[in-house]
Amino acid sequence: MSTSEESSLGKVEVSMSPQERFEEYLQSRGLRNTDQRRFLIEQVFKHHEHFDADQLIDQLPRKGHENHVSRPTVYRTLNEFVEAGLLRKFELNGRSVYEHDYGYPQHDHFYCTKCHKLIEFQSDELLQLRDAIAREHRFRVRGHRLIIQGVCDDCSRQKRERRVQDRV
């Protein structure tokens, strides 16, 4: 699965770096901050991208090289990042996809079913509607995840251009 991403979202001011926040999380659970954990957090937060575990593993050094991290350690550490509030995990086409949560604003996604692009967006109107519906149902919202599936403009344009060529 290839999940590229377009984002115009800003960052949210946070008091600690992701590394510091994760260190605090580990200390609160009596866990050590190993070299592998430090290396993984550095890799994950180097770029703001959506990714799955296999994509992350493909970017890491191979066995026998410096900073190699085993597959089980990657999966376990990604779960720790989610528990620490650093990453958010969601299902997309039967795969677990991760995105940065710490330091990033609430947002939603458009997902292109042709090229698998994820496009992030924010909508005050959507939040107002969500909150109004929640009040109507006497429901206290803690957050939400919305992924709207369809076809992006680039893929739609390619289809239109092919049709014009087919007629010639």
C-alpha atoms as a PDB file:
ATOM      1  CA  MET A   1       0.000   0.000   0.000  1.00  0.00           C
ATOM      2  CA  SER A   2       1.349   3.372  -0.921  1.00  0.00           C
ATOM      3  CA  THR A   3      -0.087   6.206   1.093  1.00  0.00           C
ATOM      4  CA  SER A   4       1.288   9.517   0.012  1.00  0.00           C
ATOM      5  CA  GLU A   5      -0.083  12.573   1.626  1.00  0.00           C
ATOM      6  CA  GLU A   6      -0.789  16.214   1.028  1.00  0.00           C
ATOM      7  CA  SER A   7      -1.032  18.447   4.038  1.00  0.00           C
ATOM      8  CA  SER A   8      -1.546  22.117   4.674  1.00  0.00           C
ATOM      9  CA  LEU A   9      -2.091  21.569   8.382  1.00  0.00           C
ATOM     10  CA  GLY A  10      -0.061  23.586  10.817  1.00  0.00           C
ATOM     11  CA  LYS A  11       1.474  22.264  13.969  1.00  0.00           C
ATOM     12  CA  VAL A  12       0.100  22.563  17.463  1.00  0.00           C
ATOM     13  CA  GLU A  13       2.436  24.055  20.078  1.00  0.00           C
ATOM     14  CA  VAL A  14       3.612  21.352  22.470  1.00  0.00           C
ATOM     15  CA  SER A  15       5.793  21.623  25.555  1.00  0.00           C
ATOM     16  CA  MET A  16       7.970  18.575  24.825  1.00  0.00           C
ATOM     17  CA  SER A  17       9.513  17.023  21.757  1.00  0.00           C
ATOM     18  CA  PRO A  18       8.144  13.620  20.692  1.00  0.00           C
ATOM     19  CA  GLN A  19      11.343  12.097  22.065  1.00  0.00           C
ATOM     20  CA  GLU A  20      10.885  13.768  25.470  1.00  0.00           C
ATOM     21  CA  ARG A  21       7.229  12.794  25.608  1.00  0.00           C
ATOM     22  CA  PHE A  22       8.098   9.168  24.807  1.00  0.00           C
ATOM     23  CA  GLU A  23      10.859   9.177  27.452  1.00  0.00           C
ATOM     24  CA  GLU A  24       8.282  10.370  30.008  1.00  0.00           C
ATOM     25  CA  TYR A  25       5.872   7.620  28.887  1.00  0.00           C
ATOM     26  CA  LEU A  26       8.555   4.932  29.257  1.00  0.00           C
ATOM     27  CA  GLN A  27       9.605   6.195  32.701  1.00  0.00           C
ATOM     28  CA  SER A  28       5.986   6.155  33.895  1.00  0.00           C
ATOM     29  CA  ARG A  29       5.847   2.449  33.009  1.00  0.00           C
ATOM     30  CA  GLY A  30       9.279   1.518  34.304  1.00  0.00           C
ATOM     31  CA  LEU A  31      10.598   0.801  30.803  1.00  0.00           C
ATOM     32  CA  ARG A  32      14.037   1.631  29.415  1.00  0.00           C
ATOM     33  CA  ASN A  33      14.581   3.920  26.455  1.00  0.00           C
ATOM     34  CA  THR A  34      16.706   1.629  24.297  1.00  0.00           C
ATOM     35  CA  ASP A  35      18.814   2.633  21.301  1.00  0.00           C
ATOM     36  CA  GLN A  36      16.265   0.892  19.065  1.00  0.00           C
ATOM     37  CA  ARG A  37      13.364   2.917  20.507  1.00  0.00           C
ATOM     38  CA  ARG A  38      15.335   6.168  20.128  1.00  0.00           C
ATOM     39  CA  PHE A  39      16.226   5.299  16.532  1.00  0.00           C
ATOM     40  CA  LEU A  40      12.611   4.435  15.661  1.00  0.00           C
ATOM     41  CA  ILE A  41      11.183   7.641  17.103  1.00  0.00           C
ATOM     42  CA  GLU A  42      13.767   9.617  15.161  1.00  0.00           C
ATOM     43  CA  GLN A  43      12.809   7.815  11.927  1.00  0.00           C
ATOM     44  CA  VAL A  44       9.050   8.128  12.460  1.00  0.00           C
ATOM     45  CA  PHE A  45       9.158  11.837  13.278  1.00  0.00           C
ATOM     46  CA  LYS A  46      11.698  12.787  10.615  1.00  0.00           C
ATOM     47  CA  HIS A  47       8.840  13.410   8.127  1.00  0.00           C
ATOM     48  CA  HIS A  48       5.097  13.878   8.456  1.00  0.00           C
ATOM     49  CA  GLU A  49       3.791  10.927   6.469  1.00  0.00           C
ATOM     50  CA  HIS A  50       1.136   8.274   6.756  1.00  0.00           C
ATOM     51  CA  PHE A  51       2.739   4.842   6.804  1.00  0.00           C
ATOM     52  CA  ASP A  52       2.200   1.221   7.709  1.00  0.00           C
ATOM     53  CA  ALA A  53       4.648  -0.995   9.580  1.00  0.00           C
ATOM     54  CA  ASP A  54       5.962  -2.614   6.390  1.00  0.00           C
ATOM     55  CA  GLN A  55       6.744   0.774   4.858  1.00  0.00           C
ATOM     56  CA  LEU A  56       8.656   1.767   7.984  1.00  0.00           C
ATOM     57  CA  ILE A  57      10.544  -1.542   8.049  1.00  0.00           C
ATOM     58  CA  ASP A  58      11.518  -1.062   4.378  1.00  0.00           C
ATOM     59  CA  GLN A  59      13.150   2.278   5.305  1.00  0.00           C
ATOM     60  CA  LEU A  60      15.207   0.798   8.152  1.00  0.00           C
ATOM     61  CA  PRO A  61      18.698  -0.733   7.937  1.00  0.00           C
ATOM     62  CA  ARG A  62      18.783  -4.443   7.094  1.00  0.00           C
ATOM     63  CA  LYS A  63      19.888  -7.170   9.481  1.00  0.00           C
ATOM     64  CA  GLY A  64      23.630  -7.038  10.091  1.00  0.00           C
ATOM     65  CA  HIS A  65      23.794  -3.256   9.643  1.00  0.00           C
ATOM     66  CA  GLU A  66      24.010  -0.571  12.302  1.00  0.00           C
ATOM     67  CA  ASN A  67      20.619   0.456  13.807  1.00  0.00           C
ATOM     68  CA  HIS A  68      18.852  -2.695  12.588  1.00  0.00           C
ATOM     69  CA  VAL A  69      15.493  -3.125  14.356  1.00  0.00           C
ATOM     70  CA  SER A  70      13.671  -6.453  14.198  1.00  0.00           C
ATOM     71  CA  ARG A  71      10.124  -6.681  12.837  1.00  0.00           C
ATOM     72  CA  PRO A  72       8.625  -7.658  16.252  1.00  0.00           C
ATOM     73  CA  THR A  73      10.379  -4.675  17.889  1.00  0.00           C
ATOM     74  CA  VAL A  74       8.988  -2.318  15.224  1.00  0.00           C
ATOM     75  CA  TYR A  75       5.423  -3.547  15.813  1.00  0.00           C
ATOM     76  CA  ARG A  76       5.785  -3.425  19.604  1.00  0.00           C
ATOM     77  CA  THR A  77       7.320   0.072  19.519  1.00  0.00           C
ATOM     78  CA  LEU A  78       4.635   1.411  17.155  1.00  0.00           C
ATOM     79  CA  ASN A  79       2.026   0.233  19.676  1.00  0.00           C
ATOM     80  CA  GLU A  80       3.964   2.039  22.410  1.00  0.00           C
ATOM     81  CA  PHE A  81       3.991   5.218  20.303  1.00  0.00           C
ATOM     82  CA  VAL A  82       0.199   4.949  19.979  1.00  0.00           C
ATOM     83  CA  GLU A  83      -0.228   4.344  23.728  1.00  0.00           C
ATOM     84  CA  ALA A  84       2.045   7.334  24.458  1.00  0.00           C
ATOM     85  CA  GLY A  85      -0.172   9.575  22.294  1.00  0.00           C
ATOM     86  CA  LEU A  86       2.514  10.172  19.689  1.00  0.00           C
ATOM     87  CA  LEU A  87       0.882   8.315  16.802  1.00  0.00           C
ATOM     88  CA  ARG A  88      -2.682   7.604  15.807  1.00  0.00           C
ATOM     89  CA  LYS A  89      -3.525   4.262  14.219  1.00  0.00           C
ATOM     90  CA  PHE A  90      -6.419   3.605  11.846  1.00  0.00           C
ATOM     91  CA  GLU A  91      -7.494   0.903   9.428  1.00  0.00           C
ATOM     92  CA  LEU A  92      -7.367   1.558   5.694  1.00  0.00           C
ATOM     93  CA  ASN A  93      -7.968  -1.245   3.175  1.00  0.00           C
ATOM     94  CA  GLY A  94      -7.412  -3.837   5.881  1.00  0.00           C
ATOM     95  CA  ARG A  95      -4.018  -2.421   6.893  1.00  0.00           C
ATOM     96  CA  SER A  96      -3.041  -0.538  10.025  1.00  0.00           C
ATOM     97  CA  VAL A  97      -1.907   2.942   9.020  1.00  0.00           C
ATOM     98  CA  TYR A  98      -0.128   5.343  11.364  1.00  0.00           C
ATOM     99  CA  GLU A  99       0.073   9.105  11.414  1.00  0.00           C
ATOM    100  CA  HIS A 100       1.507  11.690  13.772  1.00  0.00           C
ATOM    101  CA  ASP A 101      -0.871  12.678  16.548  1.00  0.00           C
ATOM    102  CA  TYR A 102       1.305  14.575  19.010  1.00  0.00           C
ATOM    103  CA  GLY A 103       1.754  18.173  17.896  1.00  0.00           C
ATOM    104  CA  TYR A 104      -0.728  17.945  15.018  1.00  0.00           C
ATOM    105  CA  PRO A 105      -4.255  19.360  14.956  1.00  0.00           C
ATOM    106  CA  GLN A 106      -7.504  17.387  14.692  1.00  0.00           C
ATOM    107  CA  HIS A 107      -8.088  16.680  11.013  1.00  0.00           C
ATOM    108  CA  ASP A 108      -9.811  14.324   8.615  1.00  0.00           C
ATOM    109  CA  HIS A 109      -8.908  12.664   5.332  1.00  0.00           C
ATOM    110  CA  PHE A 110      -9.926  12.169   1.743  1.00  0.00           C
ATOM    111  CA  TYR A 111      -8.684   8.799   0.442  1.00  0.00           C
ATOM    112  CA  CYS A 112      -8.285   8.203  -3.297  1.00  0.00           C
ATOM    113  CA  THR A 113      -9.253   4.620  -4.076  1.00  0.00           C
ATOM    114  CA  LYS A 114      -7.284   4.743  -7.369  1.00  0.00           C
ATOM    115  CA  CYS A 115      -3.831   6.049  -6.373  1.00  0.00           C
ATOM    116  CA  HIS A 116      -4.195   5.540  -2.580  1.00  0.00           C
ATOM    117  CA  LYS A 117      -3.346   9.173  -1.804  1.00  0.00           C
ATOM    118  CA  LEU A 118      -4.438  10.489   1.604  1.00  0.00           C
ATOM    119  CA  ILE A 119      -5.300  14.182   1.644  1.00  0.00           C
ATOM    120  CA  GLU A 120      -5.616  15.827   5.053  1.00  0.00           C
ATOM    121  CA  PHE A 121      -8.112  18.607   5.662  1.00  0.00           C
ATOM    122  CA  GLN A 122      -9.613  20.597   8.500  1.00  0.00           C
ATOM    123  CA  SER A 123     -13.187  21.861   8.579  1.00  0.00           C
ATOM    124  CA  ASP A 124     -14.638  24.098  11.275  1.00  0.00           C
ATOM    125  CA  GLU A 125     -18.097  23.471   9.798  1.00  0.00           C
ATOM    126  CA  LEU A 126     -17.648  19.721  10.197  1.00  0.00           C
ATOM    127  CA  LEU A 127     -16.601  20.144  13.833  1.00  0.00           C
ATOM    128  CA  GLN A 128     -19.599  22.387  14.521  1.00  0.00           C
ATOM    129  CA  LEU A 129     -21.939  19.824  12.949  1.00  0.00           C
ATOM    130  CA  ARG A 130     -20.312  17.008  14.944  1.00  0.00           C
ATOM    131  CA  ASP A 131     -20.698  18.946  18.186  1.00  0.00           C
ATOM    132  CA  ALA A 132     -24.323  19.900  17.440  1.00  0.00           C
ATOM    133  CA  ILE A 133     -25.250  16.286  16.732  1.00  0.00           C
ATOM    134  CA  ALA A 134     -23.421  15.177  19.887  1.00  0.00           C
ATOM    135  CA  ARG A 135     -25.361  17.719  21.985  1.00  0.00           C
ATOM    136  CA  GLU A 136     -28.616  16.506  20.451  1.00  0.00           C
ATOM    137  CA  HIS A 137     -27.765  12.956  21.544  1.00  0.00           C
ATOM    138  CA  ARG A 138     -26.293  14.053  24.890  1.00  0.00           C
ATOM    139  CA  PHE A 139     -22.954  12.572  23.874  1.00  0.00           C
ATOM    140  CA  ARG A 140     -19.535  13.769  25.037  1.00  0.00           C
ATOM    141  CA  VAL A 141     -17.076  13.709  22.110  1.00  0.00           C
ATOM    142  CA  ARG A 142     -13.455  12.784  22.756  1.00  0.00           C
ATOM    143  CA  GLY A 143     -12.418  12.799  19.127  1.00  0.00           C
ATOM    144  CA  HIS A 144     -13.351  11.365  15.773  1.00  0.00           C
ATOM    145  CA  ARG A 145     -11.870   9.838  12.642  1.00  0.00           C
ATOM    146  CA  LEU A 146     -13.383  10.570   9.240  1.00  0.00           C
ATOM    147  CA  ILE A 147     -12.032   9.125   6.005  1.00  0.00           C
ATOM    148  CA  ILE A 148     -13.973  10.039   2.884  1.00  0.00           C
ATOM    149  CA  GLN A 149     -13.270   7.655   0.008  1.00  0.00           C
ATOM    150  CA  GLY A 150     -13.437   8.657  -3.619  1.00  0.00           C
ATOM    151  CA  VAL A 151     -11.224   9.637  -6.549  1.00  0.00           C
ATOM    152  CA  CYS A 152      -8.791  12.562  -6.375  1.00  0.00           C
ATOM    153  CA  ASP A 153      -8.620  15.308  -8.989  1.00  0.00           C
ATOM    154  CA  ASP A 154      -5.408  13.938 -10.557  1.00  0.00           C
ATOM    155  CA  CYS A 155      -6.957  10.485 -11.123  1.00  0.00           C
ATOM    156  CA  SER A 156     -10.212  12.012 -12.370  1.00  0.00           C
ATOM    157  CA  ARG A 157      -8.283  14.198 -14.813  1.00  0.00           C
ATOM    158  CA  GLN A 158      -6.329  11.193 -16.152  1.00  0.00           C
ATOM    159  CA  LYS A 159      -9.607   9.393 -16.853  1.00  0.00           C
ATOM    160  CA  ARG A 160     -11.036  12.432 -18.680  1.00  0.00           C
ATOM    161  CA  GLU A 161      -7.840  12.852 -20.757  1.00  0.00           C
ATOM    162  CA  ARG A 162      -7.924   9.168 -21.810  1.00  0.00           C
ATOM    163  CA  ARG A 163     -11.522   9.499 -22.950  1.00  0.00           C
ATOM    164  CA  VAL A 164     -10.656  12.448 -25.216  1.00  0.00           C
ATOM    165  CA  GLN A 165      -7.745  10.464 -26.730  1.00  0.00           C
ATOM    166  CA  ASP A 166      -9.933   7.396 -27.227  1.00  0.00           C
ATOM    167  CA  ARG A 167     -12.281   9.440 -29.440  1.00  0.00           C
ATOM    168  CA  VAL A 168      -9.518  10.606 -31.782  1.00  0.00           C
END
